[in-house]
Amino acid sequence: MPYVMRNAEGRIVAVLSEEVPGSEMVGSNDPGLQTFLHTDSPEQRAQRELMESDLGLIRVIEDLINVLIERGAIMFTDFPEPVQRKLLARSGMRKEFSYMDDLFNDENNTFLPPPDGEGEGFL
């Protein structure tokens, strides 16, 4: 069970993994703990938005690198080996995700039998 520190108003202001002077143990389903864990401060919100922006920009940079390679402006081998490994790993992950997305998110549900139970096959 976690330990918490409270402010003068009794609100949880810190969660600790071990007991320290002035802390108290609470249950993991304590309402004050749940509020603390699910309430973002303005700094946390800004940090999350920046991280989401960074992730989007990473995709843009990756696509830019692919376009430059396809057009012959740069060669894949121009990148240092650690960068090549990262680009290959990321490309592999994207292909795998795309395959899984295609497999399990078929908009037409062509892999399911007809709803009336009739039909000769799944396709």
PDB file of N, CA and C in Angstrom:
ATOM      1  N   MET A   1       0.837  -1.184   0.000  1.00  0.00           N
ATOM      2  CA  MET A   1       0.000   0.000   0.000  1.00  0.00           C
ATOM      3  C   MET A   1       0.879   1.242   0.000  1.00  0.00           C
ATOM      4  N   PRO A   2       0.421   2.280  -0.670  1.00  0.00           N
ATOM      5  CA  PRO A   2       1.229   3.503  -0.767  1.00  0.00           C
ATOM      6  C   PRO A   2       1.135   4.363   0.496  1.00  0.00           C
ATOM      7  N   TYR A   3       2.144   5.179   0.655  1.00  0.00           N
ATOM      8  CA  TYR A   3       2.164   6.182   1.711  1.00  0.00           C
ATOM      9  C   TYR A   3       1.935   7.533   1.045  1.00  0.00           C
ATOM     10  N   VAL A   4       1.278   8.427   1.765  1.00  0.00           N
ATOM     11  CA  VAL A   4       0.981   9.742   1.205  1.00  0.00           C
ATOM     12  C   VAL A   4       1.368  10.832   2.190  1.00  0.00           C
ATOM     13  N   MET A   5       1.591  12.013   1.627  1.00  0.00           N
ATOM     14  CA  MET A   5       1.787  13.228   2.418  1.00  0.00           C
ATOM     15  C   MET A   5       0.608  14.132   2.100  1.00  0.00           C
ATOM     16  N   ARG A   6       0.104  14.819   3.123  1.00  0.00           N
ATOM     17  CA  ARG A   6      -1.040  15.710   2.941  1.00  0.00           C
ATOM     18  C   ARG A   6      -0.644  17.140   3.270  1.00  0.00           C
ATOM     19  N   ASN A   7      -1.343  18.102   2.642  1.00  0.00           N
ATOM     20  CA  ASN A   7      -1.115  19.506   2.964  1.00  0.00           C
ATOM     21  C   ASN A   7      -2.005  19.901   4.147  1.00  0.00           C
ATOM     22  N   ALA A   8      -1.988  21.182   4.511  1.00  0.00           N
ATOM     23  CA  ALA A   8      -2.753  21.665   5.670  1.00  0.00           C
ATOM     24  C   ALA A   8      -4.251  21.450   5.494  1.00  0.00           C
ATOM     25  N   GLU A   9      -4.734  21.451   4.234  1.00  0.00           N
ATOM     26  CA  GLU A   9      -6.163  21.227   3.985  1.00  0.00           C
ATOM     27  C   GLU A   9      -6.542  19.747   3.967  1.00  0.00           C
ATOM     28  N   GLY A  10      -5.549  18.866   4.080  1.00  0.00           N
ATOM     29  CA  GLY A  10      -5.808  17.435   4.094  1.00  0.00           C
ATOM     30  C   GLY A  10      -5.762  16.771   2.729  1.00  0.00           C
ATOM     31  N   ARG A  11      -5.446  17.552   1.682  1.00  0.00           N
ATOM     32  CA  ARG A  11      -5.323  16.968   0.341  1.00  0.00           C
ATOM     33  C   ARG A  11      -3.981  16.292   0.177  1.00  0.00           C
ATOM     34  N   ILE A  12      -3.961  15.195  -0.554  1.00  0.00           N
ATOM     35  CA  ILE A  12      -2.719  14.477  -0.840  1.00  0.00           C
ATOM     36  C   ILE A  12      -1.881  15.307  -1.792  1.00  0.00           C
ATOM     37  N   VAL A  13      -0.607  15.500  -1.436  1.00  0.00           N
ATOM     38  CA  VAL A  13       0.306  16.281  -2.268  1.00  0.00           C
ATOM     39  C   VAL A  13       1.496  15.464  -2.737  1.00  0.00           C
ATOM     40  N   ALA A  14       1.658  14.243  -2.196  1.00  0.00           N
ATOM     41  CA  ALA A  14       2.765  13.377  -2.616  1.00  0.00           C
ATOM     42  C   ALA A  14       2.403  11.930  -2.325  1.00  0.00           C
ATOM     43  N   VAL A  15       2.876  11.031  -3.181  1.00  0.00           N
ATOM     44  CA  VAL A  15       2.706   9.594  -2.989  1.00  0.00           C
ATOM     45  C   VAL A  15       4.093   8.993  -2.891  1.00  0.00           C
ATOM     46  N   LEU A  16       4.286   8.151  -1.892  1.00  0.00           N
ATOM     47  CA  LEU A  16       5.601   7.581  -1.606  1.00  0.00           C
ATOM     48  C   LEU A  16       5.537   6.064  -1.611  1.00  0.00           C
ATOM     49  N   SER A  17       6.633   5.428  -1.928  1.00  0.00           N
ATOM     50  CA  SER A  17       6.670   3.966  -1.919  1.00  0.00           C
ATOM     51  C   SER A  17       7.069   3.409  -0.561  1.00  0.00           C
ATOM     52  N   GLU A  18       7.578   4.265   0.314  1.00  0.00           N
ATOM     53  CA  GLU A  18       7.950   3.824   1.654  1.00  0.00           C
ATOM     54  C   GLU A  18       7.593   4.900   2.674  1.00  0.00           C
ATOM     55  N   GLU A  19       7.500   4.494   3.900  1.00  0.00           N
ATOM     56  CA  GLU A  19       7.114   5.405   4.970  1.00  0.00           C
ATOM     57  C   GLU A  19       8.232   6.381   5.305  1.00  0.00           C
ATOM     58  N   VAL A  20       7.872   7.633   5.447  1.00  0.00           N
ATOM     59  CA  VAL A  20       8.781   8.669   5.927  1.00  0.00           C
ATOM     60  C   VAL A  20       8.045   9.439   7.010  1.00  0.00           C
ATOM     61  N   PRO A  21       8.779  10.156   7.865  1.00  0.00           N
ATOM     62  CA  PRO A  21       8.096  10.914   8.912  1.00  0.00           C
ATOM     63  C   PRO A  21       7.048  11.865   8.320  1.00  0.00           C
ATOM     64  N   GLY A  22       5.868  11.828   8.892  1.00  0.00           N
ATOM     65  CA  GLY A  22       4.781  12.685   8.436  1.00  0.00           C
ATOM     66  C   GLY A  22       3.900  12.060   7.371  1.00  0.00           C
ATOM     67  N   SER A  23       4.256  10.858   6.903  1.00  0.00           N
ATOM     68  CA  SER A  23       3.435  10.196   5.880  1.00  0.00           C
ATOM     69  C   SER A  23       2.452   9.255   6.544  1.00  0.00           C
ATOM     70  N   GLU A  24       1.462   8.856   5.787  1.00  0.00           N
ATOM     71  CA  GLU A  24       0.489   7.884   6.271  1.00  0.00           C
ATOM     72  C   GLU A  24       0.189   6.885   5.170  1.00  0.00           C
ATOM     73  N   MET A  25      -0.131   5.674   5.569  1.00  0.00           N
ATOM     74  CA  MET A  25      -0.456   4.638   4.601  1.00  0.00           C
ATOM     75  C   MET A  25      -1.943   4.744   4.252  1.00  0.00           C
ATOM     76  N   VAL A  26      -2.262   4.615   2.962  1.00  0.00           N
ATOM     77  CA  VAL A  26      -3.650   4.604   2.513  1.00  0.00           C
ATOM     78  C   VAL A  26      -3.863   3.420   1.586  1.00  0.00           C
ATOM     79  N   GLY A  27      -5.098   3.035   1.434  1.00  0.00           N
ATOM     80  CA  GLY A  27      -5.443   1.965   0.511  1.00  0.00           C
ATOM     81  C   GLY A  27      -5.355   2.453  -0.926  1.00  0.00           C
ATOM     82  N   SER A  28      -5.109   1.544  -1.837  1.00  0.00           N
ATOM     83  CA  SER A  28      -4.967   1.937  -3.242  1.00  0.00           C
ATOM     84  C   SER A  28      -6.269   2.466  -3.824  1.00  0.00           C
ATOM     85  N   ASN A  29      -7.399   2.189  -3.194  1.00  0.00           N
ATOM     86  CA  ASN A  29      -8.681   2.701  -3.684  1.00  0.00           C
ATOM     87  C   ASN A  29      -9.156   3.928  -2.897  1.00  0.00           C
ATOM     88  N   ASP A  30      -8.270   4.519  -2.099  1.00  0.00           N
ATOM     89  CA  ASP A  30      -8.609   5.720  -1.333  1.00  0.00           C
ATOM     90  C   ASP A  30      -9.046   6.834  -2.287  1.00  0.00           C
ATOM     91  N   PRO A  31     -10.202   7.480  -2.055  1.00  0.00           N
ATOM     92  CA  PRO A  31     -10.684   8.521  -2.970  1.00  0.00           C
ATOM     93  C   PRO A  31      -9.707   9.682  -3.139  1.00  0.00           C
ATOM     94  N   GLY A  32      -9.043  10.091  -2.058  1.00  0.00           N
ATOM     95  CA  GLY A  32      -8.064  11.177  -2.153  1.00  0.00           C
ATOM     96  C   GLY A  32      -6.879  10.787  -3.019  1.00  0.00           C
ATOM     97  N   LEU A  33      -6.453   9.540  -2.919  1.00  0.00           N
ATOM     98  CA  LEU A  33      -5.346   9.049  -3.743  1.00  0.00           C
ATOM     99  C   LEU A  33      -5.768   9.001  -5.207  1.00  0.00           C
ATOM    100  N   GLN A  34      -6.962   8.526  -5.467  1.00  0.00           N
ATOM    101  CA  GLN A  34      -7.450   8.467  -6.846  1.00  0.00           C
ATOM    102  C   GLN A  34      -7.547   9.863  -7.453  1.00  0.00           C
ATOM    103  N   THR A  35      -8.007  10.822  -6.674  1.00  0.00           N
ATOM    104  CA  THR A  35      -8.082  12.209  -7.153  1.00  0.00           C
ATOM    105  C   THR A  35      -6.689  12.730  -7.468  1.00  0.00           C
ATOM    106  N   PHE A  36      -5.741  12.484  -6.569  1.00  0.00           N
ATOM    107  CA  PHE A  36      -4.357  12.943  -6.773  1.00  0.00           C
ATOM    108  C   PHE A  36      -3.774  12.336  -8.042  1.00  0.00           C
ATOM    109  N   LEU A  37      -3.988  11.048  -8.246  1.00  0.00           N
ATOM    110  CA  LEU A  37      -3.386  10.358  -9.393  1.00  0.00           C
ATOM    111  C   LEU A  37      -4.012  10.757 -10.720  1.00  0.00           C
ATOM    112  N   HIS A  38      -5.252  11.215 -10.704  1.00  0.00           N
ATOM    113  CA  HIS A  38      -5.944  11.515 -11.959  1.00  0.00           C
ATOM    114  C   HIS A  38      -6.149  13.004 -12.201  1.00  0.00           C
ATOM    115  N   THR A  39      -5.511  13.839 -11.406  1.00  0.00           N
ATOM    116  CA  THR A  39      -5.618  15.277 -11.603  1.00  0.00           C
ATOM    117  C   THR A  39      -4.274  15.815 -12.063  1.00  0.00           C
ATOM    118  N   ASP A  40      -4.258  16.384 -13.243  1.00  0.00           N
ATOM    119  CA  ASP A  40      -3.029  16.957 -13.792  1.00  0.00           C
ATOM    120  C   ASP A  40      -2.868  18.391 -13.319  1.00  0.00           C
ATOM    121  N   SER A  41      -1.665  18.724 -12.927  1.00  0.00           N
ATOM    122  CA  SER A  41      -1.348  20.117 -12.648  1.00  0.00           C
ATOM    123  C   SER A  41      -1.121  20.812 -13.991  1.00  0.00           C
ATOM    124  N   PRO A  42      -1.128  22.145 -14.013  1.00  0.00           N
ATOM    125  CA  PRO A  42      -0.832  22.831 -15.285  1.00  0.00           C
ATOM    126  C   PRO A  42       0.520  22.423 -15.857  1.00  0.00           C
ATOM    127  N   GLU A  43       1.502  22.189 -14.991  1.00  0.00           N
ATOM    128  CA  GLU A  43       2.825  21.767 -15.457  1.00  0.00           C
ATOM    129  C   GLU A  43       2.761  20.374 -16.079  1.00  0.00           C
ATOM    130  N   GLN A  44       1.997  19.472 -15.451  1.00  0.00           N
ATOM    131  CA  GLN A  44       1.873  18.123 -15.985  1.00  0.00           C
ATOM    132  C   GLN A  44       1.146  18.132 -17.330  1.00  0.00           C
ATOM    133  N   ARG A  45       0.095  18.961 -17.441  1.00  0.00           N
ATOM    134  CA  ARG A  45      -0.624  19.078 -18.702  1.00  0.00           C
ATOM    135  C   ARG A  45       0.291  19.598 -19.803  1.00  0.00           C
ATOM    136  N   ALA A  46       1.061  20.639 -19.485  1.00  0.00           N
ATOM    137  CA  ALA A  46       1.986  21.212 -20.471  1.00  0.00           C
ATOM    138  C   ALA A  46       3.036  20.187 -20.872  1.00  0.00           C
ATOM    139  N   GLN A  47       3.541  19.435 -19.891  1.00  0.00           N
ATOM    140  CA  GLN A  47       4.550  18.420 -20.185  1.00  0.00           C
ATOM    141  C   GLN A  47       3.964  17.314 -21.069  1.00  0.00           C
ATOM    142  N   ARG A  48       2.718  16.893 -20.791  1.00  0.00           N
ATOM    143  CA  ARG A  48       2.073  15.855 -21.599  1.00  0.00           C
ATOM    144  C   ARG A  48       1.842  16.358 -23.022  1.00  0.00           C
ATOM    145  N   GLU A  49       1.388  17.615 -23.165  1.00  0.00           N
ATOM    146  CA  GLU A  49       1.160  18.173 -24.494  1.00  0.00           C
ATOM    147  C   GLU A  49       2.464  18.279 -25.278  1.00  0.00           C
ATOM    148  N   LEU A  50       3.542  18.659 -24.610  1.00  0.00           N
ATOM    149  CA  LEU A  50       4.839  18.735 -25.277  1.00  0.00           C
ATOM    150  C   LEU A  50       5.298  17.353 -25.726  1.00  0.00           C
ATOM    151  N   MET A  51       5.092  16.349 -24.878  1.00  0.00           N
ATOM    152  CA  MET A  51       5.481  14.986 -25.224  1.00  0.00           C
ATOM    153  C   MET A  51       4.666  14.483 -26.418  1.00  0.00           C
ATOM    154  N   GLU A  52       3.360  14.775 -26.443  1.00  0.00           N
ATOM    155  CA  GLU A  52       2.530  14.367 -27.567  1.00  0.00           C
ATOM    156  C   GLU A  52       2.983  15.066 -28.852  1.00  0.00           C
ATOM    157  N   SER A  53       3.354  16.324 -28.734  1.00  0.00           N
ATOM    158  CA  SER A  53       3.863  17.070 -29.886  1.00  0.00           C
ATOM    159  C   SER A  53       5.175  16.457 -30.373  1.00  0.00           C
ATOM    160  N   ASP A  54       6.057  16.103 -29.445  1.00  0.00           N
ATOM    161  CA  ASP A  54       7.321  15.466 -29.806  1.00  0.00           C
ATOM    162  C   ASP A  54       7.086  14.162 -30.561  1.00  0.00           C
ATOM    163  N   LEU A  55       6.126  13.371 -30.092  1.00  0.00           N
ATOM    164  CA  LEU A  55       5.842  12.099 -30.757  1.00  0.00           C
ATOM    165  C   LEU A  55       5.341  12.320 -32.177  1.00  0.00           C
ATOM    166  N   GLY A  56       4.499  13.333 -32.366  1.00  0.00           N
ATOM    167  CA  GLY A  56       4.028  13.649 -33.708  1.00  0.00           C
ATOM    168  C   GLY A  56       5.155  14.125 -34.600  1.00  0.00           C
ATOM    169  N   LEU A  57       6.053  14.917 -34.043  1.00  0.00           N
ATOM    170  CA  LEU A  57       7.182  15.427 -34.815  1.00  0.00           C
ATOM    171  C   LEU A  57       8.145  14.305 -35.201  1.00  0.00           C
ATOM    172  N   ILE A  58       8.291  13.331 -34.334  1.00  0.00           N
ATOM    173  CA  ILE A  58       9.149  12.179 -34.652  1.00  0.00           C
ATOM    174  C   ILE A  58       8.637  11.488 -35.911  1.00  0.00           C
ATOM    175  N   ARG A  59       7.330  11.337 -36.023  1.00  0.00           N
ATOM    176  CA  ARG A  59       6.749  10.700 -37.205  1.00  0.00           C
ATOM    177  C   ARG A  59       7.022  11.538 -38.456  1.00  0.00           C
ATOM    178  N   VAL A  60       6.926  12.871 -38.325  1.00  0.00           N
ATOM    179  CA  VAL A  60       7.208  13.756 -39.454  1.00  0.00           C
ATOM    180  C   VAL A  60       8.664  13.604 -39.899  1.00  0.00           C
ATOM    181  N   ILE A  61       9.575  13.578 -38.946  1.00  0.00           N
ATOM    182  CA  ILE A  61      11.005  13.434 -39.267  1.00  0.00           C
ATOM    183  C   ILE A  61      11.271  12.090 -39.931  1.00  0.00           C
ATOM    184  N   GLU A  62      10.646  11.051 -39.417  1.00  0.00           N
ATOM    185  CA  GLU A  62      10.817   9.721 -40.011  1.00  0.00           C
ATOM    186  C   GLU A  62      10.316   9.706 -41.453  1.00  0.00           C
ATOM    187  N   ASP A  63       9.152  10.302 -41.692  1.00  0.00           N
ATOM    188  CA  ASP A  63       8.625  10.370 -43.053  1.00  0.00           C
ATOM    189  C   ASP A  63       9.526  11.212 -43.953  1.00  0.00           C
ATOM    190  N   LEU A  64      10.069  12.303 -43.427  1.00  0.00           N
ATOM    191  CA  LEU A  64      10.983  13.153 -44.191  1.00  0.00           C
ATOM    192  C   LEU A  64      12.229  12.370 -44.599  1.00  0.00           C
ATOM    193  N   ILE A  65      12.779  11.610 -43.678  1.00  0.00           N
ATOM    194  CA  ILE A  65      13.958  10.788 -43.986  1.00  0.00           C
ATOM    195  C   ILE A  65      13.629   9.804 -45.106  1.00  0.00           C
ATOM    196  N   ASN A  66      12.453   9.173 -45.020  1.00  0.00           N
ATOM    197  CA  ASN A  66      12.055   8.213 -46.057  1.00  0.00           C
ATOM    198  C   ASN A  66      11.921   8.885 -47.415  1.00  0.00           C
ATOM    199  N   VAL A  67      11.329  10.074 -47.465  1.00  0.00           N
ATOM    200  CA  VAL A  67      11.184  10.802 -48.731  1.00  0.00           C
ATOM    201  C   VAL A  67      12.556  11.156 -49.297  1.00  0.00           C
ATOM    202  N   LEU A  68      13.456  11.637 -48.454  1.00  0.00           N
ATOM    203  CA  LEU A  68      14.796  12.011 -48.919  1.00  0.00           C
ATOM    204  C   LEU A  68      15.555  10.797 -49.455  1.00  0.00           C
ATOM    205  N   ILE A  69      15.389   9.660 -48.815  1.00  0.00           N
ATOM    206  CA  ILE A  69      16.042   8.436 -49.299  1.00  0.00           C
ATOM    207  C   ILE A  69      15.424   8.000 -50.625  1.00  0.00           C
ATOM    208  N   GLU A  70      14.078   8.025 -50.711  1.00  0.00           N
ATOM    209  CA  GLU A  70      13.404   7.616 -51.946  1.00  0.00           C
ATOM    210  C   GLU A  70      13.802   8.498 -53.126  1.00  0.00           C
ATOM    211  N   ARG A  71      14.020   9.782 -52.879  1.00  0.00           N
ATOM    212  CA  ARG A  71      14.381  10.713 -53.954  1.00  0.00           C
ATOM    213  C   ARG A  71      15.887  10.755 -54.222  1.00  0.00           C
ATOM    214  N   GLY A  72      16.649  10.004 -53.452  1.00  0.00           N
ATOM    215  CA  GLY A  72      18.080   9.935 -53.656  1.00  0.00           C
ATOM    216  C   GLY A  72      18.851  11.127 -53.114  1.00  0.00           C
ATOM    217  N   ALA A  73      18.203  11.955 -52.319  1.00  0.00           N
ATOM    218  CA  ALA A  73      18.886  13.119 -51.747  1.00  0.00           C
ATOM    219  C   ALA A  73      19.899  12.690 -50.692  1.00  0.00           C
ATOM    220  N   ILE A  74      19.594  11.605 -49.995  1.00  0.00           N
ATOM    221  CA  ILE A  74      20.536  11.020 -49.031  1.00  0.00           C
ATOM    222  C   ILE A  74      20.491   9.509 -49.199  1.00  0.00           C
ATOM    223  N   MET A  75      21.517   8.864 -48.721  1.00  0.00           N
ATOM    224  CA  MET A  75      21.574   7.402 -48.764  1.00  0.00           C
ATOM    225  C   MET A  75      21.378   6.888 -47.340  1.00  0.00           C
ATOM    226  N   PHE A  76      20.710   5.769 -47.231  1.00  0.00           N
ATOM    227  CA  PHE A  76      20.507   5.156 -45.912  1.00  0.00           C
ATOM    228  C   PHE A  76      21.844   4.927 -45.224  1.00  0.00           C
ATOM    229  N   THR A  77      22.846   4.539 -46.006  1.00  0.00           N
ATOM    230  CA  THR A  77      24.175   4.260 -45.456  1.00  0.00           C
ATOM    231  C   THR A  77      24.923   5.525 -45.035  1.00  0.00           C
ATOM    232  N   ASP A  78      24.381   6.714 -45.347  1.00  0.00           N
ATOM    233  CA  ASP A  78      24.989   7.965 -44.878  1.00  0.00           C
ATOM    234  C   ASP A  78      24.812   8.136 -43.366  1.00  0.00           C
ATOM    235  N   PHE A  79      23.815   7.454 -42.809  1.00  0.00           N
ATOM    236  CA  PHE A  79      23.554   7.566 -41.375  1.00  0.00           C
ATOM    237  C   PHE A  79      24.490   6.657 -40.592  1.00  0.00           C
ATOM    238  N   PRO A  80      24.878   7.059 -39.389  1.00  0.00           N
ATOM    239  CA  PRO A  80      25.688   6.177 -38.538  1.00  0.00           C
ATOM    240  C   PRO A  80      24.917   4.889 -38.231  1.00  0.00           C
ATOM    241  N   GLU A  81      25.658   3.811 -37.947  1.00  0.00           N
ATOM    242  CA  GLU A  81      25.021   2.516 -37.703  1.00  0.00           C
ATOM    243  C   GLU A  81      23.946   2.551 -36.621  1.00  0.00           C
ATOM    244  N   PRO A  82      24.153   3.240 -35.489  1.00  0.00           N
ATOM    245  CA  PRO A  82      23.084   3.270 -34.486  1.00  0.00           C
ATOM    246  C   PRO A  82      21.788   3.891 -35.024  1.00  0.00           C
ATOM    247  N   VAL A  83      21.919   4.901 -35.861  1.00  0.00           N
ATOM    248  CA  VAL A  83      20.735   5.536 -36.460  1.00  0.00           C
ATOM    249  C   VAL A  83      20.080   4.568 -37.447  1.00  0.00           C
ATOM    250  N   GLN A  84      20.887   3.871 -38.230  1.00  0.00           N
ATOM    251  CA  GLN A  84      20.341   2.889 -39.173  1.00  0.00           C
ATOM    252  C   GLN A  84      19.540   1.829 -38.429  1.00  0.00           C
ATOM    253  N   ARG A  85      20.091   1.334 -37.319  1.00  0.00           N
ATOM    254  CA  ARG A  85      19.386   0.307 -36.531  1.00  0.00           C
ATOM    255  C   ARG A  85      18.050   0.845 -36.016  1.00  0.00           C
ATOM    256  N   LYS A  86      18.055   2.085 -35.530  1.00  0.00           N
ATOM    257  CA  LYS A  86      16.810   2.679 -35.014  1.00  0.00           C
ATOM    258  C   LYS A  86      15.782   2.846 -36.127  1.00  0.00           C
ATOM    259  N   LEU A  87      16.226   3.314 -37.285  1.00  0.00           N
ATOM    260  CA  LEU A  87      15.306   3.497 -38.406  1.00  0.00           C
ATOM    261  C   LEU A  87      14.732   2.151 -38.868  1.00  0.00           C
ATOM    262  N   LEU A  88      15.577   1.128 -38.940  1.00  0.00           N
ATOM    263  CA  LEU A  88      15.106  -0.196 -39.344  1.00  0.00           C
ATOM    264  C   LEU A  88      14.135  -0.776 -38.322  1.00  0.00           C
ATOM    265  N   ALA A  89      14.454  -0.610 -37.047  1.00  0.00           N
ATOM    266  CA  ALA A  89      13.572  -1.131 -36.003  1.00  0.00           C
ATOM    267  C   ALA A  89      12.216  -0.433 -36.057  1.00  0.00           C
ATOM    268  N   ARG A  90      12.249   0.869 -36.217  1.00  0.00           N
ATOM    269  CA  ARG A  90      10.996   1.641 -36.271  1.00  0.00           C
ATOM    270  C   ARG A  90      10.183   1.256 -37.502  1.00  0.00           C
ATOM    271  N   SER A  91      10.857   1.103 -38.629  1.00  0.00           N
ATOM    272  CA  SER A  91      10.172   0.692 -39.848  1.00  0.00           C
ATOM    273  C   SER A  91       9.525  -0.681 -39.667  1.00  0.00           C
ATOM    274  N   GLY A  92      10.237  -1.586 -39.019  1.00  0.00           N
ATOM    275  CA  GLY A  92       9.694  -2.918 -38.750  1.00  0.00           C
ATOM    276  C   GLY A  92       8.480  -2.858 -37.842  1.00  0.00           C
ATOM    277  N   MET A  93       8.541  -2.000 -36.829  1.00  0.00           N
ATOM    278  CA  MET A  93       7.399  -1.860 -35.922  1.00  0.00           C
ATOM    279  C   MET A  93       6.187  -1.302 -36.659  1.00  0.00           C
ATOM    280  N   ARG A  94       6.414  -0.320 -37.515  1.00  0.00           N
ATOM    281  CA  ARG A  94       5.302   0.270 -38.264  1.00  0.00           C
ATOM    282  C   ARG A  94       4.674  -0.757 -39.196  1.00  0.00           C
ATOM    283  N   LYS A  95       5.506  -1.565 -39.866  1.00  0.00           N
ATOM    284  CA  LYS A  95       4.971  -2.597 -40.754  1.00  0.00           C
ATOM    285  C   LYS A  95       4.174  -3.624 -39.967  1.00  0.00           C
ATOM    286  N   GLU A  96       4.697  -4.025 -38.809  1.00  0.00           N
ATOM    287  CA  GLU A  96       4.004  -5.007 -37.982  1.00  0.00           C
ATOM    288  C   GLU A  96       2.675  -4.444 -37.492  1.00  0.00           C
ATOM    289  N   PHE A  97       2.684  -3.189 -37.046  1.00  0.00           N
ATOM    290  CA  PHE A  97       1.455  -2.562 -36.578  1.00  0.00           C
ATOM    291  C   PHE A  97       0.444  -2.458 -37.718  1.00  0.00           C
ATOM    292  N   SER A  98       0.915  -2.076 -38.890  1.00  0.00           N
ATOM    293  CA  SER A  98       0.038  -1.949 -40.054  1.00  0.00           C
ATOM    294  C   SER A  98      -0.584  -3.300 -40.388  1.00  0.00           C
ATOM    295  N   TYR A  99       0.226  -4.360 -40.319  1.00  0.00           N
ATOM    296  CA  TYR A  99      -0.273  -5.705 -40.601  1.00  0.00           C
ATOM    297  C   TYR A  99      -1.347  -6.085 -39.590  1.00  0.00           C
ATOM    298  N   MET A 100      -1.075  -5.837 -38.301  1.00  0.00           N
ATOM    299  CA  MET A 100      -2.040  -6.178 -37.254  1.00  0.00           C
ATOM    300  C   MET A 100      -3.307  -5.346 -37.411  1.00  0.00           C
ATOM    301  N   ASP A 101      -3.151  -4.076 -37.746  1.00  0.00           N
ATOM    302  CA  ASP A 101      -4.305  -3.197 -37.939  1.00  0.00           C
ATOM    303  C   ASP A 101      -5.158  -3.690 -39.101  1.00  0.00           C
ATOM    304  N   ASP A 102      -4.513  -4.065 -40.202  1.00  0.00           N
ATOM    305  CA  ASP A 102      -5.246  -4.590 -41.354  1.00  0.00           C
ATOM    306  C   ASP A 102      -5.951  -5.895 -41.009  1.00  0.00           C
ATOM    307  N   LEU A 103      -5.291  -6.730 -40.239  1.00  0.00           N
ATOM    308  CA  LEU A 103      -5.825  -8.044 -39.897  1.00  0.00           C
ATOM    309  C   LEU A 103      -7.042  -7.955 -38.988  1.00  0.00           C
ATOM    310  N   PHE A 104      -6.977  -7.072 -37.982  1.00  0.00           N
ATOM    311  CA  PHE A 104      -8.028  -7.046 -36.970  1.00  0.00           C
ATOM    312  C   PHE A 104      -8.999  -5.883 -37.080  1.00  0.00           C
ATOM    313  N   ASN A 105      -8.761  -4.945 -37.965  1.00  0.00           N
ATOM    314  CA  ASN A 105      -9.655  -3.799 -38.092  1.00  0.00           C
ATOM    315  C   ASN A 105     -10.222  -3.690 -39.492  1.00  0.00           C
ATOM    316  N   ASP A 106     -10.621  -4.803 -40.032  1.00  0.00           N
ATOM    317  CA  ASP A 106     -11.225  -4.829 -41.363  1.00  0.00           C
ATOM    318  C   ASP A 106     -12.588  -4.149 -41.283  1.00  0.00           C
ATOM    319  N   GLU A 107     -12.732  -3.010 -41.974  1.00  0.00           N
ATOM    320  CA  GLU A 107     -13.966  -2.247 -41.909  1.00  0.00           C
ATOM    321  C   GLU A 107     -15.163  -3.027 -42.438  1.00  0.00           C
ATOM    322  N   ASN A 108     -14.938  -3.892 -43.399  1.00  0.00           N
ATOM    323  CA  ASN A 108     -16.040  -4.650 -43.988  1.00  0.00           C
ATOM    324  C   ASN A 108     -16.317  -5.952 -43.250  1.00  0.00           C
ATOM    325  N   ASN A 109     -15.480  -6.270 -42.238  1.00  0.00           N
ATOM    326  CA  ASN A 109     -15.615  -7.521 -41.495  1.00  0.00           C
ATOM    327  C   ASN A 109     -15.695  -8.720 -42.426  1.00  0.00           C
ATOM    328  N   THR A 110     -14.895  -8.725 -43.482  1.00  0.00           N
ATOM    329  CA  THR A 110     -14.948  -9.812 -44.451  1.00  0.00           C
ATOM    330  C   THR A 110     -14.429 -11.123 -43.879  1.00  0.00           C
ATOM    331  N   PHE A 111     -13.813 -11.088 -42.712  1.00  0.00           N
ATOM    332  CA  PHE A 111     -13.312 -12.320 -42.134  1.00  0.00           C
ATOM    333  C   PHE A 111     -14.366 -12.983 -41.253  1.00  0.00           C
ATOM    334  N   LEU A 112     -15.531 -12.369 -41.095  1.00  0.00           N
ATOM    335  CA  LEU A 112     -16.603 -12.943 -40.285  1.00  0.00           C
ATOM    336  C   LEU A 112     -17.645 -13.585 -41.194  1.00  0.00           C
ATOM    337  N   PRO A 113     -18.298 -14.648 -40.710  1.00  0.00           N
ATOM    338  CA  PRO A 113     -19.370 -15.247 -41.514  1.00  0.00           C
ATOM    339  C   PRO A 113     -20.567 -14.289 -41.567  1.00  0.00           C
ATOM    340  N   PRO A 114     -21.442 -14.458 -42.565  1.00  0.00           N
ATOM    341  CA  PRO A 114     -22.629 -13.604 -42.636  1.00  0.00           C
ATOM    342  C   PRO A 114     -23.454 -13.715 -41.358  1.00  0.00           C
ATOM    343  N   PRO A 115     -24.153 -12.640 -40.951  1.00  0.00           N
ATOM    344  CA  PRO A 115     -24.888 -12.648 -39.695  1.00  0.00           C
ATOM    345  C   PRO A 115     -26.020 -13.669 -39.659  1.00  0.00           C
ATOM    346  N   ASP A 116     -26.562 -14.040 -40.815  1.00  0.00           N
ATOM    347  CA  ASP A 116     -27.682 -15.003 -40.805  1.00  0.00           C
ATOM    348  C   ASP A 116     -27.202 -16.435 -40.698  1.00  0.00           C
ATOM    349  N   GLY A 117     -25.879 -16.629 -40.618  1.00  0.00           N
ATOM    350  CA  GLY A 117     -25.339 -17.978 -40.463  1.00  0.00           C
ATOM    351  C   GLY A 117     -25.194 -18.716 -41.773  1.00  0.00           C
ATOM    352  N   GLU A 118     -25.686 -18.120 -42.872  1.00  0.00           N
ATOM    353  CA  GLU A 118     -25.579 -18.778 -44.163  1.00  0.00           C
ATOM    354  C   GLU A 118     -24.332 -18.299 -44.891  1.00  0.00           C
ATOM    355  N   GLY A 119     -23.973 -18.979 -45.890  1.00  0.00           N
ATOM    356  CA  GLY A 119     -22.805 -18.593 -46.673  1.00  0.00           C
ATOM    357  C   GLY A 119     -21.816 -19.739 -46.711  1.00  0.00           C
ATOM    358  N   GLU A 120     -21.011 -19.726 -47.753  1.00  0.00           N
ATOM    359  CA  GLU A 120     -20.090 -20.836 -47.932  1.00  0.00           C
ATOM    360  C   GLU A 120     -18.743 -20.626 -47.298  1.00  0.00           C
ATOM    361  N   GLY A 121     -18.385 -19.408 -46.972  1.00  0.00           N
ATOM    362  CA  GLY A 121     -17.063 -19.196 -46.418  1.00  0.00           C
ATOM    363  C   GLY A 121     -17.007 -17.875 -45.685  1.00  0.00           C
ATOM    364  N   PHE A 122     -15.848 -17.579 -45.251  1.00  0.00           N
ATOM    365  CA  PHE A 122     -15.647 -16.366 -44.488  1.00  0.00           C
ATOM    366  C   PHE A 122     -15.436 -15.152 -45.375  1.00  0.00           C
ATOM    367  N   LEU A 123     -15.066 -15.320 -46.618  1.00  0.00           N
ATOM    368  CA  LEU A 123     -14.785 -14.195 -47.493  1.00  0.00           C
ATOM    369  C   LEU A 123     -15.860 -13.988 -48.436  1.00  0.00           C
TER     370      LEU A 123
END
